[in-house]
Amino acid sequence: MTEKIKAHIDRLLQDAPKTRRIEEMREELLSGCLDKYEDLTASGVSPEEAFASVISGIGDVDELIKNLSSENVFDPGKAEKQRRDKAVMIGGAIMLFFLGLMSIIVFDEVLGLENLAILPFFTCVGFGVALIIFANMTQQPVKYEKKRIPLWKKSKPT
């Protein structure tokens, strides 16, 4: 019966990605089910009834698989989009810094409003700093997953 329990768990998780967290969940689920099966059979429950009880106790694992698999999967498209968005925000911030410097020249030299020249400067610098902070706060850290390559597939150094 233990092989039937293992086969059932393997069928439940056959479409799940092969991540470390999914494999840990598989081992914990198998261990818990086997322990429950042994407890039930030791208390006098028939092997068939114990198997049915263990299998019915597992329930639906799809949501758990979805949560575990989405945490560690590296998405190159998402990482590239995040990198581009951050570059645009940093570029905009730098542009605001130069615009602030230009506002001092325009207000002081062209318009003759030397007392008001500092106001647009600090406004542009403030927005630029806010944009840099926002760019760094919104970027999600990219989680990489180390892929395990079987020894027979690794290339040998020449």
N, C-alpha and C. Protein backbone atom coordinates (compact mmCIF):
# COMPACT_ATOMS: atom_id res chain seq x y z
N MET A 1 0.81 -1.21 0.00
CA MET A 1 0.00 0.00 0.00
C MET A 1 0.85 1.27 0.00
N THR A 2 2.03 1.19 0.59
CA THR A 2 2.87 2.39 0.62
C THR A 2 3.26 2.82 -0.79
N GLU A 3 3.43 1.84 -1.67
CA GLU A 3 3.74 2.19 -3.07
C GLU A 3 2.54 2.85 -3.74
N LYS A 4 1.33 2.43 -3.38
CA LYS A 4 0.12 3.05 -3.94
C LYS A 4 0.00 4.50 -3.45
N ILE A 5 0.33 4.73 -2.18
CA ILE A 5 0.28 6.10 -1.65
C ILE A 5 1.31 6.96 -2.38
N LYS A 6 2.52 6.44 -2.54
CA LYS A 6 3.57 7.18 -3.24
C LYS A 6 3.16 7.47 -4.68
N ALA A 7 2.57 6.48 -5.35
CA ALA A 7 2.13 6.68 -6.73
C ALA A 7 1.03 7.74 -6.81
N HIS A 8 0.11 7.74 -5.83
CA HIS A 8 -0.96 8.72 -5.83
C HIS A 8 -0.39 10.14 -5.66
N ILE A 9 0.54 10.30 -4.76
CA ILE A 9 1.16 11.62 -4.54
C ILE A 9 1.93 12.05 -5.78
N ASP A 10 2.62 11.11 -6.41
CA ASP A 10 3.34 11.43 -7.65
C ASP A 10 2.38 11.89 -8.74
N ARG A 11 1.20 11.25 -8.82
CA ARG A 11 0.20 11.67 -9.82
C ARG A 11 -0.32 13.07 -9.50
N LEU A 12 -0.53 13.35 -8.20
CA LEU A 12 -1.02 14.68 -7.82
C LEU A 12 -0.04 15.78 -8.21
N LEU A 13 1.24 15.49 -8.11
CA LEU A 13 2.27 16.50 -8.33
C LEU A 13 2.99 16.36 -9.67
N GLN A 14 2.46 15.56 -10.57
CA GLN A 14 3.16 15.31 -11.84
C GLN A 14 3.28 16.55 -12.71
N ASP A 15 2.31 17.47 -12.64
CA ASP A 15 2.35 18.67 -13.48
C ASP A 15 3.02 19.85 -12.78
N ALA A 16 3.41 19.65 -11.53
CA ALA A 16 4.04 20.73 -10.77
C ALA A 16 5.46 20.95 -11.27
N PRO A 17 5.94 22.21 -11.26
CA PRO A 17 7.33 22.46 -11.67
C PRO A 17 8.30 21.76 -10.74
N LYS A 18 9.45 21.45 -11.24
CA LYS A 18 10.46 20.71 -10.47
C LYS A 18 11.34 21.69 -9.70
N THR A 19 10.77 22.31 -8.67
CA THR A 19 11.53 23.23 -7.84
C THR A 19 11.86 22.57 -6.51
N ARG A 20 12.78 23.17 -5.80
CA ARG A 20 13.20 22.64 -4.52
C ARG A 20 12.04 22.64 -3.53
N ARG A 21 11.26 23.70 -3.52
CA ARG A 21 10.14 23.80 -2.57
C ARG A 21 9.06 22.78 -2.87
N ILE A 22 8.81 22.51 -4.13
CA ILE A 22 7.82 21.49 -4.49
C ILE A 22 8.32 20.11 -4.06
N GLU A 23 9.61 19.85 -4.26
CA GLU A 23 10.17 18.56 -3.85
C GLU A 23 10.12 18.40 -2.33
N GLU A 24 10.35 19.49 -1.60
CA GLU A 24 10.24 19.43 -0.14
C GLU A 24 8.81 19.14 0.27
N MET A 25 7.86 19.79 -0.41
CA MET A 25 6.45 19.54 -0.12
C MET A 25 6.09 18.10 -0.42
N ARG A 26 6.61 17.55 -1.51
CA ARG A 26 6.34 16.16 -1.89
C ARG A 26 6.83 15.22 -0.77
N GLU A 27 8.03 15.46 -0.29
CA GLU A 27 8.58 14.61 0.77
C GLU A 27 7.77 14.72 2.07
N GLU A 28 7.38 15.95 2.44
CA GLU A 28 6.58 16.13 3.65
C GLU A 28 5.21 15.48 3.52
N LEU A 29 4.60 15.63 2.37
CA LEU A 29 3.29 15.03 2.13
C LEU A 29 3.37 13.51 2.18
N LEU A 30 4.38 12.96 1.53
CA LEU A 30 4.56 11.50 1.54
C LEU A 30 4.82 10.99 2.95
N SER A 31 5.69 11.68 3.67
CA SER A 31 6.00 11.26 5.03
C SER A 31 4.77 11.31 5.92
N GLY A 32 4.00 12.38 5.83
CA GLY A 32 2.78 12.51 6.63
C GLY A 32 1.76 11.45 6.29
N CYS A 33 1.59 11.17 5.01
CA CYS A 33 0.63 10.15 4.58
C CYS A 33 1.05 8.76 5.05
N LEU A 34 2.33 8.46 4.92
CA LEU A 34 2.80 7.14 5.36
C LEU A 34 2.67 6.98 6.87
N ASP A 35 2.96 8.04 7.61
CA ASP A 35 2.79 8.00 9.07
C ASP A 35 1.33 7.77 9.44
N LYS A 36 0.44 8.49 8.78
CA LYS A 36 -0.99 8.34 9.05
C LYS A 36 -1.44 6.92 8.70
N TYR A 37 -0.98 6.41 7.57
CA TYR A 37 -1.34 5.05 7.16
C TYR A 37 -0.87 4.03 8.20
N GLU A 38 0.36 4.17 8.66
CA GLU A 38 0.88 3.24 9.66
C GLU A 38 0.12 3.33 10.97
N ASP A 39 -0.24 4.56 11.39
CA ASP A 39 -1.02 4.73 12.61
C ASP A 39 -2.39 4.07 12.49
N LEU A 40 -3.03 4.25 11.34
CA LEU A 40 -4.36 3.66 11.15
C LEU A 40 -4.30 2.14 11.13
N THR A 41 -3.33 1.60 10.41
CA THR A 41 -3.24 0.12 10.36
C THR A 41 -2.82 -0.46 11.72
N ALA A 42 -2.03 0.27 12.47
CA ALA A 42 -1.62 -0.20 13.80
C ALA A 42 -2.79 -0.19 14.78
N SER A 43 -3.77 0.70 14.54
CA SER A 43 -4.93 0.76 15.43
C SER A 43 -6.03 -0.21 15.01
N GLY A 44 -5.78 -1.04 14.02
CA GLY A 44 -6.73 -2.08 13.64
C GLY A 44 -7.56 -1.79 12.40
N VAL A 45 -7.34 -0.67 11.74
CA VAL A 45 -8.08 -0.36 10.51
C VAL A 45 -7.49 -1.20 9.38
N SER A 46 -8.37 -1.69 8.52
CA SER A 46 -7.89 -2.52 7.41
C SER A 46 -7.03 -1.68 6.47
N PRO A 47 -6.10 -2.31 5.76
CA PRO A 47 -5.22 -1.55 4.85
C PRO A 47 -5.99 -0.76 3.80
N GLU A 48 -7.09 -1.32 3.27
CA GLU A 48 -7.87 -0.62 2.24
C GLU A 48 -8.55 0.62 2.81
N GLU A 49 -9.12 0.48 4.04
CA GLU A 49 -9.77 1.62 4.67
C GLU A 49 -8.73 2.69 5.05
N ALA A 50 -7.58 2.25 5.53
CA ALA A 50 -6.52 3.19 5.89
C ALA A 50 -6.05 3.94 4.65
N PHE A 51 -5.89 3.23 3.54
CA PHE A 51 -5.47 3.87 2.28
C PHE A 51 -6.51 4.91 1.85
N ALA A 52 -7.79 4.54 1.89
CA ALA A 52 -8.85 5.47 1.49
C ALA A 52 -8.88 6.69 2.40
N SER A 53 -8.67 6.49 3.68
CA SER A 53 -8.66 7.61 4.62
C SER A 53 -7.48 8.54 4.36
N VAL A 54 -6.32 7.97 4.11
CA VAL A 54 -5.13 8.78 3.84
C VAL A 54 -5.30 9.58 2.56
N ILE A 55 -5.79 8.95 1.52
CA ILE A 55 -5.96 9.62 0.22
C ILE A 55 -7.01 10.72 0.31
N SER A 56 -8.11 10.45 1.01
CA SER A 56 -9.15 11.47 1.13
C SER A 56 -8.68 12.64 1.99
N GLY A 57 -7.73 12.40 2.88
CA GLY A 57 -7.21 13.46 3.74
C GLY A 57 -6.27 14.42 3.03
N ILE A 58 -5.78 14.03 1.88
CA ILE A 58 -4.85 14.90 1.14
C ILE A 58 -5.58 16.12 0.60
N GLY A 59 -6.70 15.92 -0.03
CA GLY A 59 -7.46 17.05 -0.58
C GLY A 59 -6.85 17.59 -1.86
N ASP A 60 -7.16 18.86 -2.17
CA ASP A 60 -6.71 19.49 -3.41
C ASP A 60 -5.40 20.24 -3.15
N VAL A 61 -4.39 19.95 -3.92
CA VAL A 61 -3.08 20.57 -3.73
C VAL A 61 -2.75 21.59 -4.82
N ASP A 62 -3.70 21.86 -5.70
CA ASP A 62 -3.43 22.77 -6.83
C ASP A 62 -3.07 24.18 -6.37
N GLU A 63 -3.80 24.72 -5.40
CA GLU A 63 -3.52 26.07 -4.92
C GLU A 63 -2.16 26.14 -4.24
N LEU A 64 -1.83 25.11 -3.47
CA LEU A 64 -0.54 25.06 -2.81
C LEU A 64 0.60 24.99 -3.84
N ILE A 65 0.42 24.19 -4.87
CA ILE A 65 1.42 24.09 -5.94
C ILE A 65 1.60 25.45 -6.62
N LYS A 66 0.49 26.11 -6.88
CA LYS A 66 0.54 27.42 -7.55
C LYS A 66 1.32 28.42 -6.70
N ASN A 67 1.04 28.45 -5.40
CA ASN A 67 1.74 29.39 -4.52
C ASN A 67 3.22 29.07 -4.41
N LEU A 68 3.56 27.80 -4.27
CA LEU A 68 4.96 27.42 -4.12
C LEU A 68 5.75 27.60 -5.40
N SER A 69 5.13 27.31 -6.54
CA SER A 69 5.87 27.38 -7.79
C SER A 69 6.04 28.81 -8.28
N SER A 70 5.13 29.71 -7.93
CA SER A 70 5.25 31.08 -8.42
C SER A 70 6.30 31.87 -7.65
N GLU A 71 6.70 31.41 -6.47
CA GLU A 71 7.66 32.16 -5.66
C GLU A 71 9.08 32.10 -6.21
N ASN A 72 9.49 30.99 -6.76
CA ASN A 72 10.89 30.81 -7.08
C ASN A 72 11.21 30.76 -8.57
N VAL A 73 10.23 30.95 -9.38
CA VAL A 73 10.48 30.80 -10.81
C VAL A 73 11.02 32.11 -11.37
N PHE A 74 12.12 32.03 -12.07
CA PHE A 74 12.74 33.19 -12.69
C PHE A 74 12.07 33.43 -14.04
N ASP A 75 11.54 34.61 -14.22
CA ASP A 75 10.88 34.98 -15.46
C ASP A 75 11.75 36.02 -16.16
N PRO A 76 12.47 35.61 -17.22
CA PRO A 76 13.36 36.56 -17.89
C PRO A 76 12.63 37.76 -18.47
N GLY A 77 11.41 37.57 -18.94
CA GLY A 77 10.64 38.69 -19.50
C GLY A 77 10.31 39.72 -18.45
N LYS A 78 9.91 39.26 -17.27
CA LYS A 78 9.58 40.17 -16.18
C LYS A 78 10.83 40.90 -15.69
N ALA A 79 11.93 40.20 -15.60
CA ALA A 79 13.18 40.82 -15.16
C ALA A 79 13.62 41.89 -16.15
N GLU A 80 13.48 41.63 -17.43
CA GLU A 80 13.87 42.60 -18.46
C GLU A 80 12.96 43.82 -18.42
N LYS A 81 11.67 43.62 -18.23
CA LYS A 81 10.74 44.74 -18.13
C LYS A 81 11.06 45.60 -16.91
N GLN A 82 11.35 44.97 -15.79
CA GLN A 82 11.71 45.71 -14.58
C GLN A 82 13.00 46.53 -14.81
N ARG A 83 13.96 45.92 -15.49
CA ARG A 83 15.22 46.62 -15.76
C ARG A 83 14.98 47.84 -16.65
N ARG A 84 14.15 47.68 -17.70
CA ARG A 84 13.84 48.80 -18.59
C ARG A 84 13.08 49.90 -17.87
N ASP A 85 12.08 49.53 -17.06
CA ASP A 85 11.30 50.52 -16.33
C ASP A 85 12.18 51.32 -15.38
N LYS A 86 13.08 50.63 -14.70
CA LYS A 86 13.97 51.32 -13.77
C LYS A 86 14.90 52.26 -14.53
N ALA A 87 15.40 51.84 -15.68
CA ALA A 87 16.29 52.69 -16.48
C ALA A 87 15.57 53.95 -16.96
N VAL A 88 14.30 53.81 -17.34
CA VAL A 88 13.52 54.98 -17.77
C VAL A 88 13.32 55.94 -16.61
N MET A 89 13.02 55.40 -15.43
CA MET A 89 12.81 56.27 -14.27
C MET A 89 14.10 56.99 -13.86
N ILE A 90 15.21 56.29 -13.88
CA ILE A 90 16.50 56.92 -13.53
C ILE A 90 16.85 57.98 -14.57
N GLY A 91 16.61 57.68 -15.83
CA GLY A 91 16.87 58.67 -16.88
C GLY A 91 15.99 59.90 -16.72
N GLY A 92 14.73 59.70 -16.35
CA GLY A 92 13.84 60.84 -16.09
C GLY A 92 14.31 61.67 -14.92
N ALA A 93 14.82 61.00 -13.88
CA ALA A 93 15.33 61.73 -12.71
C ALA A 93 16.54 62.58 -13.08
N ILE A 94 17.43 62.03 -13.88
CA ILE A 94 18.61 62.79 -14.31
C ILE A 94 18.19 63.98 -15.16
N MET A 95 17.20 63.77 -16.00
CA MET A 95 16.69 64.87 -16.82
C MET A 95 16.11 65.98 -15.92
N LEU A 96 15.42 65.60 -14.85
CA LEU A 96 14.88 66.60 -13.92
C LEU A 96 16.00 67.38 -13.21
N PHE A 97 17.10 66.69 -12.91
CA PHE A 97 18.23 67.38 -12.28
C PHE A 97 18.77 68.47 -13.22
N PHE A 98 18.96 68.12 -14.50
CA PHE A 98 19.45 69.11 -15.46
C PHE A 98 18.43 70.21 -15.69
N LEU A 99 17.16 69.85 -15.70
CA LEU A 99 16.11 70.85 -15.86
C LEU A 99 16.13 71.83 -14.68
N GLY A 100 16.41 71.34 -13.49
CA GLY A 100 16.53 72.20 -12.32
C GLY A 100 17.67 73.18 -12.47
N LEU A 101 18.81 72.68 -12.97
CA LEU A 101 19.94 73.59 -13.20
C LEU A 101 19.61 74.63 -14.27
N MET A 102 18.94 74.19 -15.31
CA MET A 102 18.57 75.12 -16.39
C MET A 102 17.58 76.16 -15.88
N SER A 103 16.72 75.78 -14.94
CA SER A 103 15.74 76.74 -14.43
C SER A 103 16.42 77.88 -13.67
N ILE A 104 17.52 77.57 -13.01
CA ILE A 104 18.26 78.64 -12.32
C ILE A 104 18.77 79.66 -13.34
N ILE A 105 19.33 79.15 -14.42
CA ILE A 105 19.86 80.06 -15.46
C ILE A 105 18.74 80.87 -16.08
N VAL A 106 17.64 80.21 -16.42
CA VAL A 106 16.53 80.91 -17.09
C VAL A 106 15.92 81.95 -16.16
N PHE A 107 15.63 81.56 -14.92
CA PHE A 107 14.99 82.51 -14.00
C PHE A 107 15.91 83.68 -13.64
N ASP A 108 17.19 83.38 -13.47
CA ASP A 108 18.11 84.43 -13.04
C ASP A 108 18.55 85.32 -14.20
N GLU A 109 19.07 84.73 -15.24
CA GLU A 109 19.66 85.50 -16.35
C GLU A 109 18.63 86.01 -17.34
N VAL A 110 17.67 85.17 -17.72
CA VAL A 110 16.74 85.55 -18.78
C VAL A 110 15.58 86.37 -18.23
N LEU A 111 14.97 85.88 -17.15
CA LEU A 111 13.79 86.56 -16.62
C LEU A 111 14.12 87.60 -15.55
N GLY A 112 15.31 87.55 -15.01
CA GLY A 112 15.72 88.51 -14.00
C GLY A 112 15.05 88.29 -12.65
N LEU A 113 14.56 87.10 -12.41
CA LEU A 113 13.90 86.78 -11.14
C LEU A 113 14.83 85.95 -10.27
N GLU A 114 15.93 86.58 -9.82
CA GLU A 114 16.94 85.83 -9.08
C GLU A 114 16.42 85.30 -7.74
N ASN A 115 15.44 85.97 -7.14
CA ASN A 115 14.88 85.50 -5.87
C ASN A 115 14.04 84.24 -6.04
N LEU A 116 13.43 84.06 -7.20
CA LEU A 116 12.58 82.88 -7.44
C LEU A 116 13.32 81.75 -8.16
N ALA A 117 14.56 81.96 -8.52
CA ALA A 117 15.30 80.97 -9.31
C ALA A 117 15.50 79.66 -8.56
N ILE A 118 15.60 79.71 -7.27
CA ILE A 118 15.88 78.51 -6.48
C ILE A 118 14.64 77.62 -6.35
N LEU A 119 13.45 78.20 -6.45
CA LEU A 119 12.21 77.45 -6.28
C LEU A 119 12.04 76.34 -7.33
N PRO A 120 12.13 76.62 -8.63
CA PRO A 120 11.99 75.52 -9.60
C PRO A 120 13.16 74.53 -9.53
N PHE A 121 14.33 75.03 -9.11
CA PHE A 121 15.48 74.13 -8.96
C PHE A 121 15.16 73.04 -7.94
N PHE A 122 14.75 73.46 -6.73
CA PHE A 122 14.47 72.46 -5.69
C PHE A 122 13.24 71.61 -6.02
N THR A 123 12.30 72.17 -6.75
CA THR A 123 11.14 71.38 -7.17
C THR A 123 11.58 70.25 -8.10
N CYS A 124 12.40 70.59 -9.08
CA CYS A 124 12.88 69.55 -10.03
C CYS A 124 13.76 68.52 -9.32
N VAL A 125 14.64 68.96 -8.45
CA VAL A 125 15.50 68.03 -7.72
C VAL A 125 14.66 67.13 -6.82
N GLY A 126 13.66 67.69 -6.16
CA GLY A 126 12.79 66.90 -5.29
C GLY A 126 12.06 65.82 -6.06
N PHE A 127 11.50 66.18 -7.23
CA PHE A 127 10.81 65.17 -8.06
C PHE A 127 11.80 64.13 -8.58
N GLY A 128 13.00 64.55 -8.92
CA GLY A 128 14.01 63.60 -9.40
C GLY A 128 14.40 62.59 -8.33
N VAL A 129 14.61 63.07 -7.11
CA VAL A 129 14.94 62.16 -6.01
C VAL A 129 13.77 61.22 -5.73
N ALA A 130 12.55 61.76 -5.75
CA ALA A 130 11.37 60.91 -5.53
C ALA A 130 11.27 59.82 -6.60
N LEU A 131 11.60 60.16 -7.83
CA LEU A 131 11.54 59.19 -8.92
C LEU A 131 12.59 58.09 -8.73
N ILE A 132 13.77 58.45 -8.27
CA ILE A 132 14.80 57.44 -8.01
C ILE A 132 14.37 56.51 -6.87
N ILE A 133 13.81 57.10 -5.82
CA ILE A 133 13.34 56.26 -4.70
C ILE A 133 12.23 55.33 -5.17
N PHE A 134 11.30 55.85 -5.95
CA PHE A 134 10.20 55.03 -6.46
C PHE A 134 10.72 53.92 -7.36
N ALA A 135 11.70 54.22 -8.19
CA ALA A 135 12.26 53.20 -9.08
C ALA A 135 12.88 52.07 -8.29
N ASN A 136 13.54 52.37 -7.19
CA ASN A 136 14.18 51.33 -6.38
C ASN A 136 13.19 50.58 -5.50
N MET A 137 12.09 51.22 -5.13
CA MET A 137 11.10 50.55 -4.29
C MET A 137 10.21 49.61 -5.07
N THR A 138 9.89 49.95 -6.30
CA THR A 138 8.95 49.15 -7.07
C THR A 138 9.58 47.95 -7.74
N GLN A 139 10.87 47.92 -7.84
CA GLN A 139 11.52 46.79 -8.50
C GLN A 139 11.56 45.61 -7.55
N GLN A 140 10.92 44.52 -7.97
CA GLN A 140 10.90 43.31 -7.17
C GLN A 140 12.22 42.58 -7.33
N PRO A 141 12.73 42.02 -6.24
CA PRO A 141 13.98 41.25 -6.39
C PRO A 141 13.73 40.01 -7.24
N VAL A 142 14.65 39.73 -8.11
CA VAL A 142 14.53 38.57 -8.98
C VAL A 142 15.11 37.37 -8.25
N LYS A 143 14.33 36.31 -8.18
CA LYS A 143 14.78 35.10 -7.51
C LYS A 143 15.21 34.10 -8.57
N TYR A 144 16.41 33.64 -8.46
CA TYR A 144 16.93 32.67 -9.39
C TYR A 144 16.79 31.28 -8.79
N GLU A 145 16.59 30.33 -9.64
CA GLU A 145 16.48 28.95 -9.20
C GLU A 145 17.61 28.16 -9.83
N LYS A 146 18.37 27.51 -9.00
CA LYS A 146 19.46 26.70 -9.51
C LYS A 146 18.89 25.41 -10.07
N LYS A 147 19.21 25.15 -11.31
CA LYS A 147 18.72 23.92 -11.94
C LYS A 147 19.72 22.81 -11.68
N ARG A 148 19.18 21.67 -11.32
CA ARG A 148 20.04 20.52 -11.09
C ARG A 148 20.20 19.75 -12.40
N ILE A 149 21.45 19.62 -12.81
CA ILE A 149 21.76 18.90 -14.04
C ILE A 149 22.35 17.55 -13.65
N PRO A 150 21.75 16.48 -14.14
CA PRO A 150 22.31 15.17 -13.82
C PRO A 150 23.76 15.06 -14.28
N LEU A 151 24.54 14.27 -13.56
CA LEU A 151 25.97 14.16 -13.85
C LEU A 151 26.25 13.71 -15.28
N TRP A 152 25.41 12.84 -15.81
CA TRP A 152 25.68 12.34 -17.15
C TRP A 152 25.39 13.39 -18.23
N LYS A 153 24.72 14.50 -17.89
CA LYS A 153 24.46 15.53 -18.88
C LYS A 153 25.44 16.68 -18.81
N LYS A 154 26.26 16.72 -17.77
CA LYS A 154 27.24 17.81 -17.64
C LYS A 154 28.35 17.60 -18.66
N SER A 155 28.79 18.70 -19.23
CA SER A 155 29.87 18.58 -20.19
C SER A 155 31.19 18.45 -19.44
N LYS A 156 32.05 17.64 -19.98
CA LYS A 156 33.34 17.42 -19.34
C LYS A 156 34.36 18.40 -19.93
N PRO A 157 35.22 18.97 -19.05
CA PRO A 157 36.23 19.90 -19.57
C PRO A 157 37.22 19.18 -20.50
N THR A 158 37.63 19.91 -21.51
CA THR A 158 38.57 19.31 -22.46
C THR A 158 39.95 19.81 -22.26
